[in-house]
Amino acid sequence: MLTSWDEQAERTVRIGMLLPWANVAVEGELPRLGLVHTVFHYTRLVPASRTTAVDAAFWHGLRSAVAGGLDALSPVPLDVVFLACTSAGFPTGLAPPALPPAVLTAFDALTGVLTHLGVRRIVLATPYPHTVTAAEAAALAAYGIETTAHTSLGLADGFPAVAAGQIRTLVQHLPPAALRTADAVVLSCTGWHTLPVLAELQQELGVPVFSSTLAMALYAARLAMGEPL
């Protein structure tokens, strides 16, 4: 799908990527997806707490740092800017700072792609704490996307260290009935390395498998086609 959309591009687009300061997965995976008509421009956001674990302080600090990231990217003519953090799109706890209208989160890309493709039932796998995963399922429901089953590693930090085998095992332990009836499998979070398992899981399960990083790439490809989501 991604290659097909990229081949239909009408122009080259430039995408700003605001990365959580400890994220090492996005920069490694996006170039390997092979988009010809998309250029990604990166900068890093350091939350005031200088922490990396997903919690209210991290989300608040990350969203507060967006203005500085936009300033760093301001010389570049960008078509869209992503805050490349999925959980920052559905933070729990106290209301976080609002994002500028021009900034989307990885969660926005995910919901945009799933909605465009008519995906209504998913199974969800994340590295997050279980409460954060449940919050994401609730946030997806607000977009008309039902999470029929979800599972998580229960981690608040250390996502880059999650091995491909752990992701495979996590998905394989989802209820078989939920996997059979799902329109798609979602591997949420930009911080873990999902690219090594996407094609393998899709072939094994017989349904599309989306990651947060893949969703941002698909969103960019639609922009290049002149058909934004």
Foldseek 3Di string as FASTA:
>chain_A
DLVVLLVLFPAAFEEEEEEAAPFDALVVVPVVVPRPRYHYDYDYFQFPVNDQFDAPSSLQRRQVRVVVSCVVCVVPDHPAYEHAWQLNQQHDDDDHDDHPPRYHYLVVLVLVVCVVVVFQEEAEEEQAAPVSFVSSQVVSVVSNHHHPYYFHNRGRDDQQPDDQVNVVVRVVPIDPVSLLPGQEYEYETSRYHHVVCQVVVCVVSVHHYYYSSNSVSSQSSCVSSVRHD
